[in-house]
Each structure stands twice: as structure tokens, then as C-alpha cells.
Amino acid sequence: MNYGQIVASGSFTSDGTAKEIPLRSDFDFFETTNYTQMATTQTPGRGVKFTWNRGLADGYGFMVSKEDAADTVTYEVVTSGAFTRVDKSVKTPEAAKSTSGTDVTNADPAVVTVTAHGYSTGDRIRIYGTTSMLQIAGYEFTITRVDANSFQLPYLDASGFAAAATAGTVRRIPNNPSYVPEKNYITKATQASSMVVTLSLTHNLAVGDKVRLHVDSNYGMTQADGLVGEVTAVDTTNNTITLDIDSSAFDAFAFPISAVAAGGVTPAHIVPFGTVANGVDQALVNQDQIVMKLGAGADGPAGSSSDVIYWRAWKAGFVNNE
């Protein structure tokens, strides 16, 4: 009987952190073997072989461990930090979380307070339902400098806003966009011989890409609306792109006041189209993947720093989890 076939396999050297294995094909069984630790004895003992079957809850897995300073092994179920299968085509926002205290500061950069949010640096979040600071209602941001109860919006200078937001809701948007580069929100645009545009989300644009600007009249710089610009420089630290557009004579870009935003405005944004540097089909190629996330550490399938890990994924001809 054919129980399935290997759809992918490989190896990596652990850096001591969680590891993502991207797979275009789906899988029903996943296995890792820690080649480095398989050949040693450790005190305390540690996991050397891990398996996952479809139907296990997130974080679960089966572990084969070597006993303390011995070559005898034990078998156990790991209930956290093992395997998590992720379908990156799923973009459904996660459960809403309420902000608290001075929810979004009018500072540069803005800081958001959400008690026990569980988010990480690089996550994408959407903010809405704020009291005051309605300029950013519905915006999505890449976040950084995360602690247990707050995080930073690194690409939003809110110091010119009249007041901080004192209520609101945040939702994390899981997974990467299906197609890149994607539409992105403008948070700043300079008046210069070569316009510099700051974007709210990590943009993935490259020199040679082209974008169309959409700037609602409420954002001041109406001369930029509908213009097409080619990216001539990228600053990944500040998340900016420089465009071959002379905006030195344009009106200044500025967010509308909160009361105007309450009446409904279209956020200023860019829409990439085609590309020069990365091939004209860049924004047409589906980036979605099925990913297996491997937890790290002595009892994790991604192992510890410098461990060599071999992995295999299978697809079953039939799965029957009764």
C-alpha cells in the first residue's frame, strides 16, 4: 500500500531561533532529525527527532529524546513550541484587541498601548474606532519595538496631530501579502526635486519599480494625485522610496484634521504596477505558501544554535482522522 510520498526535503543549520520551512505543496506529515545532537550525549537530555501529523493542534508534536548523558531514548508528546502549520493564503484578521490608556500617542513615532497584545516586531496591524486621531482609522502599519503592553508605529510621525487617541481597536493581519509589491499607505511625502515617500507597511519595492500616487485633496499635495513615478532609491531603515518626481513646487503633504477624517476620506496611498528591476510579472506572481513553523531550543524541532537539522515532508494519499 502506498501511504504517501515525500513532497520536499532539505536541511539547515539552526541559529537558535524558530525556523519557517516554506512549501508550495501541502503536506500531512513532517519530520526533523537533529544530526548534531543525535551523535552526542547531553546533560540534561534533549530532543533529537520530532514528527508531526495532520490533525495535531498548533505547537504540538511527537518527540524522541535522549536521556541524560546516555544513548537510551524516550518518547513523549510536546504540547507547545513544536510544529505549527500555516497557510499564508489566509489573511483573515485576528481577534480584535482594545487599546488602553493613552492608546496612540501623538508623537514621532507614535506608540500604541494594548495590554498583553502578544504581537511581535514586523507584524502587521490595523487600527480603527479611535477617539480622536481619526486620520489613521483603517490604516495598516508594520510595528516595531514591541514590549508586553505596547508597540511602536515606526513610520508614522503623529507629532502634528492635535491630540492622542484615547480609545480604539487593533487587529493583527496574519501572513504576508499574496502579491508583492502591494498597495501601501503614504504617511509622509517631501517637497523636493526627487520626492521621498514614507510608507506605513514594509514595502518590498526595489529601484526601477513604478508606482502610481493617489492623494486625496484632504492630504494637501493634490498635484501628486495620479502621477506615476519610478523608484530611484530605497531606504529600508526609514521605509522610504525616492521617486523621479519633482515635487518642490507642490503643496505640502499633511494628514487632514481628525474632524475632517470623521466625515470620510480616502487615505493617501501608492499602487505599484509592473517593474523594471525585478521583471514585469513581479506583482502578478502569487507569493502564498504552506509553511511549517519549527520551534527552537533543546526540545524544539529547529534545535539549538549551530545544530544541523534534516527535515522531510510527506503528502498522504488519504487521511482519516476519526
Protein backbone atom coordinates (compact mmCIF):
# COMPACT_ATOMS: atom_id res chain seq x y z
CA MET A 1 0.00 0.00 0.00
CA ASN A 2 1.24 3.48 -0.84
CA TYR A 3 0.90 5.57 2.32
CA GLY A 4 2.17 8.75 0.68
CA GLN A 5 5.15 10.33 -0.96
CA ILE A 6 7.83 12.81 0.02
CA VAL A 7 6.97 16.22 -1.41
CA ALA A 8 10.05 18.04 -0.11
CA SER A 9 13.17 17.57 1.99
CA GLY A 10 16.23 19.53 2.99
CA SER A 11 18.48 20.65 5.81
CA PHE A 12 19.59 23.81 7.59
CA THR A 13 21.94 24.91 10.34
CA SER A 14 19.99 26.29 13.28
CA ASP A 15 20.61 29.83 14.52
CA GLY A 16 18.81 29.04 17.77
CA THR A 17 15.55 30.72 16.75
CA ALA A 18 12.29 29.43 15.28
CA LYS A 19 12.50 28.36 11.65
CA GLU A 20 9.96 28.54 8.81
CA ILE A 21 10.06 25.91 6.06
CA PRO A 22 8.10 27.19 3.02
CA LEU A 23 6.43 24.59 0.80
CA ARG A 24 4.39 25.19 -2.33
CA SER A 25 2.68 21.83 -1.91
CA ASP A 26 0.62 20.91 1.13
CA PHE A 27 1.74 18.10 3.46
CA ASP A 28 0.27 15.68 6.00
CA PHE A 29 3.40 14.51 7.82
CA PHE A 30 6.57 16.39 8.80
CA GLU A 31 9.77 15.11 10.39
CA THR A 32 13.01 16.67 11.61
CA THR A 33 16.18 14.95 12.78
CA ASN A 34 18.85 16.79 14.76
CA TYR A 35 22.01 15.35 13.19
CA THR A 36 24.31 17.23 15.58
CA GLN A 37 22.65 16.11 18.81
CA MET A 38 21.92 12.59 17.56
CA ALA A 39 25.67 11.89 17.74
CA THR A 40 26.21 13.32 21.26
CA THR A 41 25.06 12.83 24.83
CA GLN A 42 23.89 15.81 26.84
CA THR A 43 23.08 16.60 30.45
CA PRO A 44 20.22 17.25 30.71
CA GLY A 45 18.81 15.12 27.91
CA ARG A 46 17.26 16.67 24.82
CA GLY A 47 15.07 16.04 21.80
CA VAL A 48 16.73 14.61 18.71
CA LYS A 49 13.84 13.57 16.46
CA PHE A 50 10.44 15.23 16.02
CA THR A 51 7.36 14.31 13.99
CA TRP A 52 4.04 15.95 13.18
CA ASN A 53 0.84 14.53 11.72
CA ARG A 54 -2.10 16.43 10.29
CA GLY A 55 -4.72 16.84 12.98
CA LEU A 56 -2.34 17.90 15.76
CA ALA A 57 -3.03 21.23 17.42
CA ASP A 58 -0.71 24.20 16.83
CA GLY A 59 2.56 23.81 18.72
CA TYR A 60 2.18 20.07 19.21
CA GLY A 61 4.47 17.28 18.03
CA PHE A 62 5.94 13.90 18.93
CA MET A 63 9.49 13.94 20.31
CA VAL A 64 12.17 11.30 20.67
CA SER A 65 14.57 12.37 23.45
CA LYS A 66 17.96 11.09 24.52
CA GLU A 67 18.26 10.56 28.26
CA ASP A 68 20.77 12.46 30.41
CA ALA A 69 24.31 11.50 29.39
CA ALA A 70 23.10 8.28 27.78
CA ASP A 71 22.10 6.84 24.45
CA THR A 72 18.76 5.47 25.67
CA VAL A 73 15.70 7.25 24.31
CA THR A 74 12.22 8.19 25.49
CA TYR A 75 9.09 9.16 23.55
CA GLU A 76 6.74 11.96 24.51
CA VAL A 77 4.15 14.43 23.24
CA VAL A 78 5.22 18.08 23.05
CA THR A 79 2.29 20.46 23.60
CA SER A 80 3.96 23.80 22.79
CA GLY A 81 6.90 25.08 20.77
CA ALA A 82 6.99 22.19 18.31
CA PHE A 83 5.19 22.37 14.92
CA THR A 84 2.67 24.88 13.56
CA ARG A 85 1.32 24.57 10.02
CA VAL A 86 0.46 27.95 8.47
CA ASP A 87 -1.43 28.58 5.24
CA LYS A 88 -0.25 32.01 4.14
CA SER A 89 -3.15 32.44 1.73
CA VAL A 90 -5.33 33.07 4.81
CA LYS A 91 -5.44 36.81 5.54
CA THR A 92 -8.39 36.89 7.94
CA PRO A 93 -7.69 39.49 10.65
CA GLU A 94 -7.19 38.05 14.10
CA ALA A 95 -9.45 38.78 17.06
CA ALA A 96 -9.83 42.45 17.94
CA LYS A 97 -7.91 43.87 20.91
CA SER A 98 -8.86 47.10 22.65
CA THR A 99 -6.30 49.80 23.22
CA SER A 100 -5.86 51.19 26.71
CA GLY A 101 -4.66 54.34 28.47
CA THR A 102 -3.19 56.87 26.04
CA ASP A 103 -3.90 54.47 23.22
CA VAL A 104 -1.98 56.06 20.34
CA THR A 105 0.41 58.87 21.20
CA ASN A 106 0.70 61.99 19.07
CA ALA A 107 4.47 61.62 18.87
CA ASP A 108 7.20 60.74 16.39
CA PRO A 109 6.98 57.83 16.16
CA ALA A 110 3.54 57.03 17.54
CA VAL A 111 3.28 54.41 20.29
CA VAL A 112 0.23 52.18 20.79
CA THR A 113 -0.76 50.70 24.15
CA VAL A 114 -2.58 47.36 24.13
CA THR A 115 -2.40 45.25 27.29
CA ALA A 116 -0.95 41.75 26.72
CA HIS A 117 -1.25 42.07 22.93
CA GLY A 118 1.03 39.14 22.03
CA TYR A 119 2.38 40.83 18.88
CA SER A 120 5.94 40.74 17.54
CA THR A 121 8.24 43.12 15.69
CA GLY A 122 7.39 43.01 11.99
CA ASP A 123 3.72 42.14 12.48
CA ARG A 124 1.07 44.00 10.51
CA ILE A 125 -1.77 45.59 12.45
CA ARG A 126 -4.89 47.56 11.54
CA ILE A 127 -6.19 50.39 13.75
CA TYR A 128 -9.80 51.61 13.79
CA GLY A 129 -12.52 53.02 16.04
CA THR A 130 -10.23 55.56 17.70
CA THR A 131 -11.44 58.58 19.65
CA SER A 132 -9.52 61.49 18.17
CA MET A 133 -6.73 60.80 15.67
CA LEU A 134 -9.30 59.58 13.13
CA GLN A 135 -6.71 60.34 10.45
CA ILE A 136 -5.32 56.83 10.87
CA ALA A 137 -8.62 54.95 11.16
CA GLY A 138 -8.39 51.87 8.93
CA TYR A 139 -4.66 52.28 8.29
CA GLU A 140 -2.36 49.28 8.45
CA PHE A 141 1.14 49.53 9.91
CA THR A 142 4.24 47.40 10.33
CA ILE A 143 5.15 47.53 14.03
CA THR A 144 8.49 47.53 15.89
CA ARG A 145 9.92 47.93 19.41
CA VAL A 146 7.39 45.64 20.96
CA ASP A 147 7.05 45.04 24.69
CA ALA A 148 4.33 43.22 26.64
CA ASN A 149 1.81 46.06 26.57
CA SER A 150 2.83 48.44 23.80
CA PHE A 151 4.42 48.73 20.39
CA GLN A 152 5.68 51.42 18.04
CA LEU A 153 4.43 52.60 14.66
CA PRO A 154 7.90 53.44 13.32
CA TYR A 155 6.78 55.03 10.06
CA LEU A 156 4.10 57.35 11.49
CA ASP A 157 5.04 60.84 12.68
CA ALA A 158 1.91 61.81 14.63
CA SER A 159 3.52 64.74 16.42
CA GLY A 160 1.50 67.21 14.32
CA PHE A 161 -1.84 65.67 15.27
CA ALA A 162 -3.95 67.73 17.67
CA ALA A 163 -4.48 65.00 20.24
CA ALA A 164 -3.61 61.43 21.11
CA ALA A 165 -6.19 58.71 20.56
CA THR A 166 -7.87 57.65 23.80
CA ALA A 167 -9.78 54.61 22.57
CA GLY A 168 -9.61 52.25 19.65
CA THR A 169 -9.30 48.72 18.38
CA VAL A 170 -6.35 46.86 16.89
CA ARG A 171 -6.33 43.67 14.84
CA ARG A 172 -3.29 41.77 13.60
CA ILE A 173 -3.37 40.87 9.89
CA PRO A 174 -1.64 37.49 9.59
CA ASN A 175 0.77 36.41 6.85
CA ASN A 176 2.42 38.30 4.05
CA PRO A 177 0.57 39.79 1.07
CA SER A 178 -0.25 37.37 -1.72
CA TYR A 179 1.29 39.63 -4.33
CA VAL A 180 4.24 41.96 -3.93
CA PRO A 181 4.85 44.80 -4.18
CA GLU A 182 1.42 45.74 -2.82
CA LYS A 183 -0.70 48.84 -2.30
CA ASN A 184 0.72 50.85 0.58
CA TYR A 185 -0.33 53.83 2.70
CA ILE A 186 1.58 57.13 2.49
CA THR A 187 2.45 58.70 5.85
CA LYS A 188 4.79 61.42 4.56
CA ALA A 189 5.89 62.95 1.22
CA THR A 190 8.55 65.60 0.76
CA GLN A 191 8.64 68.71 -1.39
CA ALA A 192 11.88 68.11 -3.25
CA SER A 193 13.42 67.73 -6.70
CA SER A 194 13.12 63.99 -6.10
CA MET A 195 10.11 63.20 -3.93
CA VAL A 196 10.73 60.96 -0.91
CA VAL A 197 7.68 58.99 0.24
CA THR A 198 7.36 57.26 3.62
CA LEU A 199 5.08 54.21 3.71
CA SER A 200 3.23 52.63 6.63
CA LEU A 201 4.00 48.99 5.73
CA THR A 202 7.33 47.37 4.90
CA HIS A 203 7.13 47.88 1.17
CA ASN A 204 9.38 45.36 -0.68
CA LEU A 205 9.86 47.82 -3.53
CA ALA A 206 13.11 47.96 -5.49
CA VAL A 207 14.91 50.52 -7.62
CA GLY A 208 13.28 50.51 -11.04
CA ASP A 209 9.78 49.66 -9.82
CA LYS A 210 7.00 52.08 -10.76
CA VAL A 211 4.13 53.30 -8.60
CA ARG A 212 1.06 55.49 -9.10
CA LEU A 213 0.28 58.05 -6.40
CA HIS A 214 -3.24 58.57 -5.11
CA VAL A 215 -3.50 61.67 -2.92
CA ASP A 216 -6.96 62.81 -1.83
CA SER A 217 -7.48 66.58 -1.74
CA ASN A 218 -7.70 66.40 2.06
CA TYR A 219 -3.99 65.49 2.19
CA GLY A 220 -2.82 68.76 0.65
CA MET A 221 -0.42 67.62 -2.08
CA THR A 222 -3.08 67.36 -4.76
CA GLN A 223 -0.53 67.91 -7.57
CA ALA A 224 0.79 64.41 -6.89
CA ASP A 225 -2.55 62.68 -7.39
CA GLY A 226 -2.43 60.30 -10.35
CA LEU A 227 1.26 60.78 -11.08
CA VAL A 228 3.46 57.81 -11.93
CA GLY A 229 6.96 57.69 -10.51
CA GLU A 230 9.90 55.33 -10.86
CA VAL A 231 11.74 54.28 -7.71
CA THR A 232 15.30 55.64 -7.84
CA ALA A 233 16.36 54.83 -4.27
CA VAL A 234 15.16 52.76 -1.31
CA ASP A 235 15.80 53.40 2.40
CA THR A 236 14.89 50.25 4.33
CA THR A 237 15.66 51.83 7.73
CA ASN A 238 13.07 54.58 7.32
CA ASN A 239 10.85 52.59 4.92
CA THR A 240 11.01 55.27 2.22
CA ILE A 241 11.21 55.32 -1.55
CA THR A 242 12.63 58.12 -3.67
CA LEU A 243 10.74 58.83 -6.89
CA ASP A 244 11.76 60.63 -10.08
CA ILE A 245 9.03 63.23 -9.43
CA ASP A 246 9.92 66.87 -8.82
CA SER A 247 7.57 67.88 -6.01
CA SER A 248 9.45 71.01 -4.97
CA ALA A 249 6.60 73.29 -6.15
CA PHE A 250 3.79 71.07 -4.82
CA ASP A 251 1.66 71.96 -1.82
CA ALA A 252 2.84 70.35 1.42
CA PHE A 253 1.61 66.85 2.25
CA ALA A 254 -0.31 66.69 5.54
CA PHE A 255 -2.89 64.45 7.17
CA PRO A 256 -6.36 66.02 7.47
CA ILE A 257 -7.53 67.01 10.94
CA SER A 258 -9.49 64.40 12.87
CA ALA A 259 -12.84 66.17 12.36
CA VAL A 260 -12.39 66.12 8.58
CA ALA A 261 -11.34 62.48 8.61
CA ALA A 262 -14.51 61.66 10.57
CA GLY A 263 -16.51 62.67 7.51
CA GLY A 264 -14.75 60.05 5.40
CA VAL A 265 -11.59 60.43 3.34
CA THR A 266 -9.59 58.17 1.05
CA PRO A 267 -6.17 57.54 2.63
CA ALA A 268 -3.21 58.66 0.54
CA HIS A 269 -1.60 55.59 -0.97
CA ILE A 270 0.55 54.15 -3.75
CA VAL A 271 -0.30 51.37 -6.18
CA PRO A 272 2.71 49.58 -7.76
CA PHE A 273 2.38 48.34 -11.31
CA GLY A 274 4.84 46.38 -13.38
CA THR A 275 8.50 46.65 -12.59
CA VAL A 276 11.80 47.25 -14.29
CA ALA A 277 14.26 45.77 -11.83
CA ASN A 278 12.51 42.53 -10.94
CA GLY A 279 10.62 41.55 -14.09
CA VAL A 280 7.29 42.84 -15.37
CA ASP A 281 5.37 39.99 -13.76
CA GLN A 282 6.58 40.64 -10.21
CA ALA A 283 3.26 41.96 -8.90
CA LEU A 284 1.37 39.17 -10.67
CA VAL A 285 3.15 36.17 -9.10
CA ASN A 286 1.31 34.58 -6.18
CA GLN A 287 3.63 34.53 -3.15
CA ASP A 288 1.42 32.35 -0.93
CA GLN A 289 2.89 29.19 0.54
CA ILE A 290 2.14 26.49 3.04
CA VAL A 291 4.69 26.95 5.83
CA MET A 292 5.74 24.71 8.67
CA LYS A 293 6.96 26.71 11.66
CA LEU A 294 9.52 24.86 13.77
CA GLY A 295 10.07 25.81 17.40
CA ALA A 296 13.67 26.15 18.59
CA GLY A 297 15.59 25.02 21.64
CA ALA A 298 16.68 21.76 23.28
CA ASP A 299 13.18 20.33 22.92
CA GLY A 300 12.26 22.02 19.66
CA PRO A 301 12.45 20.67 16.08
CA ALA A 302 14.57 23.64 14.96
CA GLY A 303 17.22 22.76 17.54
CA SER A 304 19.80 25.00 19.18
CA SER A 305 22.38 27.30 17.65
CA SER A 306 24.74 25.50 15.20
CA ASP A 307 22.71 22.26 15.22
CA VAL A 308 22.39 20.70 11.75
CA ILE A 309 18.76 19.77 11.13
CA TYR A 310 17.47 17.46 8.39
CA TRP A 311 13.77 17.61 7.51
CA ARG A 312 11.25 15.78 5.33
CA ALA A 313 7.61 16.44 4.42
CA TRP A 314 5.13 13.88 3.08
CA LYS A 315 1.77 14.13 1.40
CA ALA A 316 -0.59 11.24 2.11
CA GLY A 317 -2.84 9.66 -0.47
CA PHE A 318 -5.58 9.51 2.16
CA VAL A 319 -6.02 10.97 5.65
CA ASN A 320 -8.71 9.69 8.02
CA ASN A 321 -8.62 11.38 11.44
CA GLU A 322 -11.70 9.97 13.18
